[in-house]
Amino acid sequence: MYNSLTRVQNVFGFFTTVAFVVAALIAASDFASPRTPSATVKATNVQVVKGRPHYYSTKKEEYAIIKFSLDADLSSLFTWNTKQLFVYVTAEWPAGGAGDGTNQTNKAVIWDAIITSPSADHLSNLGPAALKKLRRGAAGKSVDPGRGRLSLKNQKPKYQITHPTGRIAETADVALRVHYNVQPWVGVLAWNQDADLGLWKKLAGGVSAAFDLPALKKKDGEGKTRRA
């Protein structure tokens, strides 16, 4: 009854119980930290061209290039339990806004970024020089809320917008929306909230005014009548 194996099992069981309780307390502590994120986003330059949007594309199709400006204060999302923050911007428009409406969820990511906390800088996908500068700026800090403040002007998109029909020009009522995902060291992932939850407030703003995609941009000289 009290052999070595039994004692090892008891010690291991006690250890896992303590570890689980500590992890649960750490995860629950996040609810005591207020979250008040806010963002303002707007499109600054919109073009629709025809070509191969990706190097692996097998055919030419219409795709939109949307430049935007973004001012966001996500600093309240950084706590001592925050590992990293995933931020992304999507372009959204009503179903049926392009082609025959076969795609019922018209949402496309045009830009994203991962913002790490100082304790997770080793996970950053940065070059040696950029990583050294990042670490130097956060020296001695376990939490750096300043990393959650974004100010992008006329930002180029990382991804172009396409549609299964291959046509997207003159799509109406397109809007840009800011999203975030908080990834903690311990606990569950937290996405955008549709409503306030205690001290956690939903994202203030974060949606641009609706705009229309322009007509297909033609190449210089295209459509001109040749002289006899």
Protein backbone atom coordinates (compact mmCIF):
# COMPACT_ATOMS: atom_id res chain seq x y z
CA MET A 1 0.00 0.00 0.00
CA TYR A 2 2.88 2.35 0.78
CA ASN A 3 5.39 1.10 -1.74
CA SER A 4 7.55 3.45 -3.85
CA LEU A 5 5.21 3.41 -6.86
CA THR A 6 2.24 4.49 -4.76
CA ARG A 7 4.22 7.34 -3.22
CA VAL A 8 5.38 8.53 -6.66
CA GLN A 9 1.78 8.48 -7.91
CA ASN A 10 0.61 10.48 -4.87
CA VAL A 11 3.34 13.08 -5.32
CA PHE A 12 2.62 13.39 -9.03
CA GLY A 13 -1.11 13.71 -8.41
CA PHE A 14 -0.55 16.42 -5.81
CA PHE A 15 1.82 18.28 -8.15
CA THR A 16 -0.63 18.26 -11.08
CA THR A 17 -3.46 19.42 -8.81
CA VAL A 18 -1.40 22.35 -7.55
CA ALA A 19 -0.27 23.21 -11.09
CA PHE A 20 -3.87 23.17 -12.32
CA VAL A 21 -5.09 25.41 -9.48
CA VAL A 22 -2.25 27.90 -10.02
CA ALA A 23 -2.92 27.98 -13.78
CA ALA A 24 -6.64 28.55 -13.16
CA LEU A 25 -5.88 31.45 -10.81
CA ILE A 26 -3.53 33.02 -13.35
CA ALA A 27 -6.13 32.72 -16.10
CA ALA A 28 -8.85 34.15 -13.85
CA SER A 29 -6.66 37.12 -12.90
CA ASP A 30 -7.08 38.48 -16.44
CA PHE A 31 -10.72 39.29 -15.68
CA ALA A 32 -9.53 41.75 -13.01
CA SER A 33 -7.58 43.78 -15.60
CA PRO A 34 -9.70 46.36 -17.48
CA ARG A 35 -9.69 46.16 -21.27
CA THR A 36 -10.68 49.29 -23.20
CA PRO A 37 -9.44 48.85 -26.80
CA SER A 38 -10.22 51.45 -29.43
CA ALA A 39 -9.37 51.89 -33.11
CA THR A 40 -10.01 54.15 -36.09
CA VAL A 41 -9.50 52.87 -39.62
CA LYS A 42 -10.20 54.35 -43.05
CA ALA A 43 -9.38 53.54 -46.65
CA THR A 44 -6.98 56.01 -48.27
CA ASN A 45 -6.45 54.60 -51.74
CA VAL A 46 -8.40 51.89 -53.58
CA GLN A 47 -7.59 50.29 -56.93
CA VAL A 48 -8.94 47.33 -58.87
CA VAL A 49 -6.67 45.75 -61.47
CA LYS A 50 -6.64 42.55 -63.49
CA GLY A 51 -3.78 40.08 -63.31
CA ARG A 52 -2.40 37.29 -61.17
CA PRO A 53 -2.87 38.34 -57.52
CA HIS A 54 -0.53 35.59 -56.27
CA TYR A 55 2.58 33.97 -57.71
CA TYR A 56 0.78 30.64 -57.71
CA SER A 57 -2.34 31.95 -59.49
CA THR A 58 -3.09 29.99 -62.66
CA LYS A 59 -5.27 32.61 -64.33
CA LYS A 60 -5.78 36.33 -64.46
CA GLU A 61 -8.60 37.80 -62.41
CA GLU A 62 -9.72 41.06 -60.90
CA TYR A 63 -8.30 41.94 -57.50
CA ALA A 64 -8.49 44.99 -55.25
CA ILE A 65 -5.61 46.78 -53.56
CA ILE A 66 -6.73 48.81 -50.55
CA LYS A 67 -4.36 51.15 -48.75
CA PHE A 68 -5.53 52.34 -45.35
CA SER A 69 -4.71 54.40 -42.27
CA LEU A 70 -5.05 52.92 -38.81
CA ASP A 71 -4.84 54.48 -35.35
CA ALA A 72 -5.41 51.99 -32.56
CA ASP A 73 -4.90 51.90 -28.81
CA LEU A 74 -4.75 48.26 -27.74
CA SER A 75 -2.40 48.88 -24.82
CA SER A 76 -4.98 47.75 -22.25
CA LEU A 77 -4.85 44.25 -23.76
CA PHE A 78 -1.28 43.79 -22.53
CA THR A 79 -0.95 42.37 -19.02
CA TRP A 80 1.67 40.23 -17.30
CA ASN A 81 -0.17 37.16 -18.67
CA THR A 82 -0.23 38.36 -22.30
CA LYS A 83 2.03 36.37 -24.59
CA GLN A 84 1.24 38.11 -27.85
CA LEU A 85 -1.46 40.03 -29.66
CA PHE A 86 -2.65 39.21 -33.17
CA VAL A 87 -4.13 42.22 -34.99
CA TYR A 88 -5.70 42.11 -38.43
CA VAL A 89 -7.81 44.25 -40.76
CA THR A 90 -10.52 42.82 -42.99
CA ALA A 91 -12.53 44.18 -45.88
CA GLU A 92 -16.19 43.20 -45.71
CA TRP A 93 -19.13 43.69 -48.05
CA PRO A 94 -22.69 42.31 -48.32
CA ALA A 95 -23.24 38.93 -49.94
CA GLY A 96 -23.95 39.26 -53.62
CA GLY A 97 -21.90 42.42 -53.92
CA ALA A 98 -19.69 40.85 -56.57
CA GLY A 99 -20.76 38.43 -59.29
CA ASP A 100 -23.63 36.08 -58.61
CA GLY A 101 -23.36 36.10 -54.82
CA THR A 102 -22.21 32.49 -54.50
CA ASN A 103 -19.99 33.49 -51.60
CA GLN A 104 -22.27 34.11 -48.64
CA THR A 105 -19.53 35.47 -46.36
CA ASN A 106 -17.68 38.27 -48.08
CA LYS A 107 -14.77 38.92 -45.77
CA ALA A 108 -11.09 39.11 -46.68
CA VAL A 109 -8.00 39.88 -44.61
CA ILE A 110 -5.87 42.63 -46.12
CA TRP A 111 -3.30 43.15 -43.34
CA ASP A 112 -2.16 41.50 -40.13
CA ALA A 113 0.56 41.76 -37.49
CA ILE A 114 1.74 39.90 -34.39
CA ILE A 115 2.76 42.06 -31.44
CA THR A 116 4.70 40.19 -28.76
CA SER A 117 5.12 41.08 -25.11
CA PRO A 118 8.73 41.61 -23.88
CA SER A 119 8.76 38.12 -22.34
CA ALA A 120 7.90 36.59 -25.74
CA ASP A 121 10.26 38.58 -27.95
CA HIS A 122 12.19 35.42 -28.76
CA LEU A 123 9.11 34.27 -30.68
CA SER A 124 9.11 37.33 -32.97
CA ASN A 125 9.66 36.67 -36.64
CA LEU A 126 12.25 39.44 -36.93
CA GLY A 127 15.80 39.74 -38.15
CA PRO A 128 18.69 39.95 -35.65
CA ALA A 129 19.01 43.74 -35.90
CA ALA A 130 15.27 44.42 -35.53
CA LEU A 131 14.99 41.93 -32.66
CA LYS A 132 17.93 43.54 -30.84
CA LYS A 133 16.31 46.96 -31.18
CA LEU A 134 12.99 45.59 -29.93
CA ARG A 135 14.59 44.04 -26.86
CA ARG A 136 16.60 47.18 -26.12
CA GLY A 137 13.44 49.30 -26.17
CA ALA A 138 11.74 46.99 -23.63
CA ALA A 139 14.76 46.42 -21.39
CA GLY A 140 13.69 45.91 -17.77
CA LYS A 141 9.98 45.76 -18.63
CA SER A 142 7.80 42.72 -18.09
CA VAL A 143 4.88 44.52 -19.70
CA ASP A 144 5.14 47.15 -22.44
CA PRO A 145 1.68 48.62 -23.16
CA GLY A 146 3.22 51.02 -25.68
CA ARG A 147 3.47 48.16 -28.13
CA GLY A 148 -0.30 48.12 -28.38
CA ARG A 149 -0.45 51.63 -29.84
CA LEU A 150 -0.52 51.57 -33.63
CA SER A 151 -0.34 54.50 -36.02
CA LEU A 152 -0.21 53.53 -39.69
CA LYS A 153 -0.57 56.07 -42.47
CA ASN A 154 -1.44 55.04 -46.03
CA GLN A 155 -0.40 51.47 -45.19
CA LYS A 156 0.04 49.07 -48.08
CA PRO A 157 -2.00 45.87 -47.73
CA LYS A 158 -0.26 42.54 -47.27
CA TYR A 159 -2.96 40.71 -49.19
CA GLN A 160 -5.11 41.54 -52.19
CA ILE A 161 -8.85 40.96 -52.35
CA THR A 162 -10.25 38.50 -54.86
CA HIS A 163 -13.60 36.79 -55.37
CA PRO A 164 -14.48 33.23 -56.49
CA THR A 165 -16.20 34.65 -59.55
CA GLY A 166 -13.02 36.44 -60.63
CA ARG A 167 -14.89 39.78 -60.68
CA ILE A 168 -14.76 42.35 -57.92
CA ALA A 169 -14.73 45.76 -59.62
CA GLU A 170 -17.48 48.22 -58.66
CA THR A 171 -18.47 46.25 -55.56
CA ALA A 172 -20.59 48.46 -53.29
CA ASP A 173 -20.70 49.00 -49.53
CA VAL A 174 -17.22 47.76 -48.67
CA ALA A 175 -16.01 48.53 -45.14
CA LEU A 176 -12.76 47.93 -43.28
CA ARG A 177 -12.90 46.38 -39.83
CA VAL A 178 -10.22 45.93 -37.15
CA HIS A 179 -9.96 42.62 -35.28
CA TYR A 180 -7.71 41.35 -32.51
CA ASN A 181 -6.90 38.12 -30.75
CA VAL A 182 -5.24 38.07 -27.31
CA GLN A 183 -3.04 35.02 -26.76
CA PRO A 184 -2.17 34.57 -23.06
CA TRP A 185 0.57 32.46 -21.51
CA VAL A 186 -2.12 30.65 -19.52
CA GLY A 187 -5.82 30.72 -20.30
CA VAL A 188 -8.17 30.88 -23.28
CA LEU A 189 -7.81 32.95 -26.43
CA ALA A 190 -9.87 36.16 -26.40
CA TRP A 191 -11.28 37.55 -29.64
CA ASN A 192 -13.21 40.71 -30.46
CA GLN A 193 -16.19 41.15 -28.17
CA ASP A 194 -19.63 42.08 -29.44
CA ALA A 195 -20.66 43.33 -25.99
CA ASP A 196 -19.07 44.47 -22.73
CA LEU A 197 -18.14 41.74 -20.27
CA GLY A 198 -17.44 43.16 -16.83
CA LEU A 199 -14.20 45.15 -17.00
CA TRP A 200 -13.65 43.97 -20.57
CA LYS A 201 -15.12 46.50 -22.98
CA LYS A 202 -15.86 45.85 -26.63
CA LEU A 203 -13.69 47.51 -29.26
CA ALA A 204 -14.61 51.18 -29.62
CA GLY A 205 -14.79 52.14 -33.29
CA GLY A 206 -12.73 49.90 -35.51
CA VAL A 207 -15.04 50.14 -38.55
CA SER A 208 -14.52 52.47 -41.50
CA ALA A 209 -17.15 54.33 -43.48
CA ALA A 210 -18.54 52.27 -46.35
CA PHE A 211 -17.06 52.86 -49.79
CA ASP A 212 -17.36 51.41 -53.29
CA LEU A 213 -14.61 49.67 -55.20
CA PRO A 214 -13.75 51.54 -58.42
CA ALA A 215 -14.08 50.25 -61.95
CA LEU A 216 -11.33 48.09 -63.37
CA LYS A 217 -8.18 50.09 -63.94
CA LYS A 218 -7.12 49.86 -67.58
CA LYS A 219 -3.57 49.88 -68.79
CA ASP A 220 -2.24 52.94 -70.57
CA GLY A 221 -3.34 52.95 -74.18
CA GLU A 222 -5.99 50.29 -73.69
CA GLY A 223 -9.27 51.11 -75.32
CA LYS A 224 -7.81 53.71 -77.66
CA THR A 225 -8.66 53.43 -81.35
CA ARG A 226 -5.71 52.79 -83.60
CA ARG A 227 -5.17 55.22 -86.45
CA ALA A 228 -5.33 53.86 -89.99
